[in-house]
Amino acid sequence: MKRSVIQLATNTLVVSLPSKWAHQQGLKKGDSVEVQEQEQGLVIAADKASGERKKVLQAGALKVMLGRAIGALYKAGFDEIEVQFEEKAQLDSIQEVLRRTCIGFEIVEQSRTRVVAKEISKAEAGEFDKVLRQAFMFVLSMADDTLDAAKKKDQAGLDAIPLMDSTVNRYTDFCRRLLNKQHHTLSGPLYYLSEQIERIGDLYAELAPTLHDEKEIKLLGDVNAFLRQYYETYYKSNHTNIEELGVQYKLLKKKVADYPRLKFIVQTIFDMNGALLVLRLS
């Protein structure tokens, strides 16, 4: 939506808040809002301690999917999550997902059938860009370490790659939580980008332990270079390097056509081109 800029004084410009959003946040005259500068613009968030979002989850039959359900509530932006469970195995899942992926959350209450987890470290709006870059750089490290271990025939090193993926998941889950909490103006493409970075980490984690074919290892070097090319294009975009990304994709797609795992990684990387174009050319 577009808002008119109003000049109140020589050096003071004002933009009105959308009435529907202000009502949803319970804002009234005299309240404060948090304004953070980001690469793509400004993020405005309600600064109201009383506006905490809470959710009660009755685990019931959820067992295999319980961890994912809690992760979804975390990413949705809830400040407090109460989980009512029946079995010890469910408690183990609750504790595992909170430890593994939920940055800033800690268990504050626990009984035989109930766990309450709460955000004890508030996320700042400006943290998104920093954490997204960290996630991207960690995936690049996974890619480089996979190739290095494969060349050295270091099976222990290859087996350790999946352990790195949990860090990528933590970063990207946190990014999606920030987007859902703070209503970023370009949250759609940024959310998609965060999901794709996590997916790329998953693909390297799946590939590494069984990477032994010499031709596949050699081609992985080209795939890793394409991943870094996307990263550099994202952070330093211009029409020339955006075009080069498309040209390289067409060439690389043919080279890896007989290697389904590499082909899938290449396609997943290139699928982020839509987010790149929206974020960097709009």
Protein backbone atom coordinates (compact mmCIF):
# COMPACT_ATOMS: atom_id res chain seq x y z
CA MET A 1 0.00 0.00 0.00
CA LYS A 2 1.09 3.59 -0.57
CA ARG A 3 1.03 6.26 2.14
CA SER A 4 1.44 10.00 1.70
CA VAL A 5 4.46 11.70 3.26
CA ILE A 6 3.52 14.73 5.35
CA GLN A 7 5.99 17.48 6.29
CA LEU A 8 5.43 18.81 9.82
CA ALA A 9 8.57 20.88 10.21
CA THR A 10 11.68 21.79 8.27
CA ASN A 11 13.36 18.44 8.90
CA THR A 12 10.41 16.28 10.00
CA LEU A 13 8.55 13.96 7.63
CA VAL A 14 5.62 11.86 8.84
CA VAL A 15 3.80 8.83 7.39
CA SER A 16 0.48 7.66 8.85
CA LEU A 17 0.03 4.07 10.04
CA PRO A 18 -2.63 1.91 8.35
CA SER A 19 -5.68 2.05 10.60
CA LYS A 20 -6.43 -1.68 10.32
CA TRP A 21 -2.90 -2.62 11.41
CA ALA A 22 -2.93 -0.07 14.27
CA HIS A 23 -6.25 -1.48 15.49
CA GLN A 24 -4.94 -5.06 15.36
CA GLN A 25 -1.94 -4.02 17.45
CA GLY A 26 -4.12 -2.13 19.93
CA LEU A 27 -2.20 1.09 19.36
CA LYS A 28 -3.51 4.36 20.67
CA LYS A 29 -2.30 7.95 20.94
CA GLY A 30 0.92 8.17 22.95
CA ASP A 31 2.03 4.56 22.36
CA SER A 32 5.50 3.85 20.97
CA VAL A 33 6.46 1.83 17.91
CA GLU A 34 9.83 0.31 17.08
CA VAL A 35 11.34 1.52 13.79
CA GLN A 36 14.32 -0.34 12.33
CA GLU A 37 16.25 0.40 9.14
CA GLN A 38 16.85 -2.56 6.82
CA GLU A 39 18.42 -2.94 3.38
CA GLN A 40 15.03 -2.95 1.68
CA GLY A 41 13.40 -0.15 3.72
CA LEU A 42 11.95 0.34 7.19
CA VAL A 43 10.30 -2.15 9.54
CA ILE A 44 7.73 -0.81 12.00
CA ALA A 45 6.68 -3.02 14.92
CA ALA A 46 4.36 -2.34 17.85
CA ASP A 47 6.37 -1.81 21.04
CA LYS A 48 3.83 -3.12 23.53
CA ALA A 49 4.82 -5.53 26.30
CA SER A 50 1.13 -6.37 26.83
CA GLY A 51 0.75 -7.53 23.24
CA GLU A 52 2.35 -10.95 23.75
CA ARG A 53 0.86 -13.72 21.63
CA LYS A 54 0.24 -17.01 23.43
CA LYS A 55 -0.80 -20.42 22.11
CA VAL A 56 -1.90 -23.63 23.81
CA LEU A 57 -1.16 -26.81 21.86
CA GLN A 58 -2.84 -30.04 22.96
CA ALA A 59 -0.43 -32.65 21.68
CA GLY A 60 -3.01 -35.45 21.70
CA ALA A 61 -2.12 -37.91 18.93
CA LEU A 62 0.78 -35.80 17.66
CA LYS A 63 3.97 -37.82 17.95
CA VAL A 64 6.01 -37.87 14.75
CA MET A 65 4.70 -34.41 13.82
CA LEU A 66 4.80 -32.86 17.30
CA GLY A 67 8.22 -31.27 16.85
CA ARG A 68 7.17 -29.80 13.51
CA ALA A 69 3.97 -28.42 15.06
CA ILE A 70 5.94 -26.61 17.76
CA GLY A 71 8.41 -25.35 15.17
CA ALA A 72 5.50 -23.99 13.13
CA LEU A 73 4.16 -22.05 16.14
CA TYR A 74 7.65 -20.68 16.81
CA LYS A 75 8.00 -19.53 13.20
CA ALA A 76 4.47 -18.09 13.31
CA GLY A 77 5.71 -15.60 15.92
CA PHE A 78 4.06 -16.68 19.17
CA ASP A 79 5.77 -15.34 22.29
CA GLU A 80 4.62 -18.13 24.60
CA ILE A 81 3.74 -21.72 23.73
CA GLU A 82 2.09 -24.10 26.18
CA VAL A 83 2.14 -27.77 25.17
CA GLN A 84 -0.10 -30.26 26.94
CA PHE A 85 1.18 -33.81 26.41
CA GLU A 86 0.51 -37.37 27.56
CA GLU A 87 3.67 -39.43 27.03
CA LYS A 88 7.35 -39.10 27.87
CA ALA A 89 8.22 -39.53 24.20
CA GLN A 90 6.21 -36.38 23.49
CA LEU A 91 8.11 -34.51 26.20
CA ASP A 92 11.37 -35.64 24.62
CA SER A 93 10.21 -34.25 21.25
CA ILE A 94 9.21 -30.95 22.85
CA GLN A 95 12.56 -30.52 24.58
CA GLU A 96 14.49 -31.54 21.46
CA VAL A 97 12.83 -29.07 19.09
CA LEU A 98 13.13 -26.21 21.58
CA ARG A 99 16.84 -26.95 22.05
CA ARG A 100 17.59 -27.54 18.38
CA THR A 101 15.77 -24.81 16.50
CA CYS A 102 13.98 -22.24 18.68
CA ILE A 103 16.48 -19.41 19.20
CA GLY A 104 15.53 -17.20 22.16
CA PHE A 105 13.01 -19.68 23.64
CA GLU A 106 13.39 -21.42 27.00
CA ILE A 107 11.17 -23.67 29.10
CA VAL A 108 9.84 -21.58 32.00
CA GLU A 109 7.33 -24.09 33.46
CA GLN A 110 7.15 -27.87 33.35
CA SER A 111 5.05 -30.60 34.95
CA ARG A 112 4.19 -34.24 34.21
CA THR A 113 1.72 -33.24 31.47
CA ARG A 114 2.54 -29.64 30.56
CA VAL A 115 5.42 -27.54 29.26
CA VAL A 116 5.44 -23.76 28.87
CA ALA A 117 8.14 -22.26 26.65
CA LYS A 118 8.58 -18.52 26.37
CA GLU A 119 10.68 -16.05 24.42
CA ILE A 120 13.16 -14.73 26.96
CA SER A 121 15.39 -12.90 24.48
CA LYS A 122 13.50 -10.41 22.32
CA ALA A 123 14.50 -10.27 18.67
CA GLU A 124 15.21 -6.88 17.13
CA ALA A 125 13.81 -6.08 13.70
CA GLY A 126 17.25 -5.19 12.35
CA GLU A 127 18.59 -8.67 13.12
CA PHE A 128 16.94 -10.26 10.08
CA ASP A 129 19.54 -9.23 7.49
CA LYS A 130 22.42 -10.29 9.72
CA VAL A 131 20.96 -13.72 10.52
CA LEU A 132 19.95 -14.39 6.90
CA ARG A 133 23.52 -13.68 5.78
CA GLN A 134 24.85 -15.99 8.51
CA ALA A 135 22.55 -18.77 7.28
CA PHE A 136 23.71 -18.26 3.73
CA MET A 137 27.38 -18.25 4.70
CA PHE A 138 26.93 -21.41 6.76
CA VAL A 139 25.43 -23.20 3.75
CA LEU A 140 28.44 -22.07 1.72
CA SER A 141 30.67 -23.59 4.39
CA MET A 142 28.72 -26.84 4.22
CA ALA A 143 29.22 -26.91 0.45
CA ASP A 144 32.97 -26.23 0.68
CA ASP A 145 33.48 -28.76 3.50
CA THR A 146 31.56 -31.43 1.58
CA LEU A 147 33.73 -31.00 -1.48
CA ASP A 148 36.95 -30.91 0.54
CA ALA A 149 36.09 -34.08 2.48
CA ALA A 150 35.02 -35.89 -0.69
CA LYS A 151 38.28 -35.05 -2.49
CA LYS A 152 40.27 -36.34 0.50
CA LYS A 153 38.05 -39.43 0.81
CA ASP A 154 37.45 -38.38 4.39
CA GLN A 155 34.33 -40.36 5.34
CA ALA A 156 34.29 -38.99 8.88
CA GLY A 157 34.26 -35.48 7.45
CA LEU A 158 31.42 -36.36 5.07
CA ASP A 159 29.43 -37.94 7.90
CA ALA A 160 29.81 -34.74 9.94
CA ILE A 161 28.15 -32.52 7.31
CA PRO A 162 24.56 -33.34 8.41
CA LEU A 163 25.44 -32.06 11.88
CA MET A 164 26.07 -28.62 10.36
CA ASP A 165 22.56 -28.55 8.93
CA SER A 166 20.97 -28.03 12.35
CA THR A 167 22.66 -24.62 12.57
CA VAL A 168 21.25 -23.63 9.19
CA ASN A 169 17.81 -24.71 10.39
CA ARG A 170 18.13 -22.57 13.53
CA TYR A 171 19.09 -19.49 11.53
CA THR A 172 16.38 -19.90 8.89
CA ASP A 173 13.65 -20.70 11.45
CA PHE A 174 14.63 -17.53 13.30
CA CYS A 175 14.44 -15.53 10.05
CA ARG A 176 10.93 -16.78 9.34
CA ARG A 177 9.87 -16.01 12.91
CA LEU A 178 11.12 -12.43 12.54
CA LEU A 179 9.23 -11.99 9.28
CA ASN A 180 5.98 -13.25 10.80
CA LYS A 181 6.35 -11.12 13.92
CA GLN A 182 7.36 -7.88 12.26
CA HIS A 183 5.37 -7.88 9.00
CA HIS A 184 8.30 -6.97 6.73
CA THR A 185 7.19 -5.09 3.61
CA LEU A 186 8.80 -7.79 1.42
CA SER A 187 8.11 -10.75 3.68
CA GLY A 188 6.89 -13.01 0.83
CA PRO A 189 10.12 -13.27 -1.18
CA LEU A 190 12.26 -13.13 1.97
CA TYR A 191 10.29 -15.99 3.56
CA TYR A 192 10.70 -18.04 0.40
CA LEU A 193 14.42 -17.26 0.29
CA SER A 194 14.81 -18.39 3.92
CA GLU A 195 13.02 -21.67 3.15
CA GLN A 196 15.17 -22.32 0.08
CA ILE A 197 18.40 -21.72 2.00
CA GLU A 198 17.24 -24.28 4.56
CA ARG A 199 16.38 -26.70 1.74
CA ILE A 200 19.82 -26.31 0.17
CA GLY A 201 21.37 -27.14 3.54
CA ASP A 202 19.19 -30.26 3.70
CA LEU A 203 20.32 -31.32 0.23
CA TYR A 204 24.02 -31.06 1.10
CA ALA A 205 23.36 -32.96 4.34
CA GLU A 206 21.71 -35.76 2.33
CA LEU A 207 24.41 -35.78 -0.34
CA ALA A 208 27.59 -35.75 1.75
CA PRO A 209 27.64 -39.17 3.48
CA THR A 210 27.30 -41.08 0.18
CA LEU A 211 29.38 -38.84 -2.10
CA HIS A 212 31.99 -41.14 -3.63
CA ASP A 213 31.65 -40.97 -7.43
CA GLU A 214 34.68 -39.14 -8.86
CA LYS A 215 32.75 -37.42 -11.67
CA GLU A 216 30.04 -36.31 -9.24
CA ILE A 217 32.69 -34.92 -6.90
CA LYS A 218 34.27 -32.95 -9.72
CA LEU A 219 30.92 -31.54 -10.81
CA LEU A 220 30.13 -30.59 -7.22
CA GLY A 221 32.87 -27.98 -7.53
CA ASP A 222 30.87 -26.32 -10.31
CA VAL A 223 27.66 -26.55 -8.27
CA ASN A 224 29.36 -24.94 -5.28
CA ALA A 225 30.64 -22.14 -7.51
CA PHE A 226 27.08 -21.56 -8.73
CA LEU A 227 25.83 -21.34 -5.14
CA ARG A 228 28.49 -18.75 -4.33
CA GLN A 229 27.63 -16.90 -7.55
CA TYR A 230 24.03 -16.61 -6.38
CA TYR A 231 25.15 -15.40 -2.94
CA GLU A 232 27.40 -12.71 -4.45
CA THR A 233 24.71 -11.69 -6.93
CA TYR A 234 22.15 -11.36 -4.14
CA TYR A 235 24.34 -9.03 -2.12
CA LYS A 236 25.83 -7.10 -5.05
CA SER A 237 23.17 -7.15 -7.73
CA ASN A 238 23.30 -5.44 -11.09
CA HIS A 239 21.80 -6.31 -14.46
CA THR A 240 25.06 -7.85 -15.68
CA ASN A 241 25.61 -10.37 -12.90
CA ILE A 242 21.91 -11.22 -12.76
CA GLU A 243 22.11 -12.12 -16.47
CA GLU A 244 25.31 -14.12 -15.85
CA LEU A 245 23.47 -16.13 -13.22
CA GLY A 246 20.89 -17.20 -15.80
CA VAL A 247 23.55 -18.04 -18.38
CA GLN A 248 25.50 -20.15 -15.90
CA TYR A 249 22.34 -21.99 -14.86
CA LYS A 250 21.66 -23.11 -18.44
CA LEU A 251 25.20 -24.38 -18.86
CA LEU A 252 25.36 -26.13 -15.50
CA LYS A 253 21.95 -27.74 -15.87
CA LYS A 254 23.25 -29.65 -18.90
CA LYS A 255 26.49 -30.65 -17.18
CA VAL A 256 24.73 -32.24 -14.20
CA ALA A 257 21.82 -33.76 -16.15
CA ASP A 258 22.98 -37.33 -15.41
CA TYR A 259 23.43 -36.67 -11.68
CA PRO A 260 19.97 -36.23 -10.10
CA ARG A 261 21.26 -35.09 -6.71
CA LEU A 262 23.39 -32.32 -8.18
CA LYS A 263 20.66 -31.41 -10.65
CA PHE A 264 18.22 -30.91 -7.77
CA ILE A 265 20.68 -28.68 -5.89
CA VAL A 266 21.27 -26.55 -8.99
CA GLN A 267 17.52 -26.22 -9.60
CA THR A 268 16.88 -25.28 -5.96
CA ILE A 269 19.52 -22.57 -6.12
CA PHE A 270 18.17 -21.14 -9.36
CA ASP A 271 14.58 -21.23 -8.10
CA MET A 272 15.61 -18.38 -5.81
CA ASN A 273 15.98 -16.11 -8.84
CA GLY A 274 12.39 -14.89 -8.43
CA ALA A 275 13.07 -13.67 -4.89
CA LEU A 276 16.33 -12.10 -6.08
CA LEU A 277 14.61 -10.14 -8.86
CA VAL A 278 11.80 -8.91 -6.61
CA LEU A 279 14.12 -7.89 -3.80
CA ARG A 280 16.84 -6.29 -5.87
CA LEU A 281 15.01 -4.75 -8.82
CA SER A 282 11.82 -3.48 -7.20
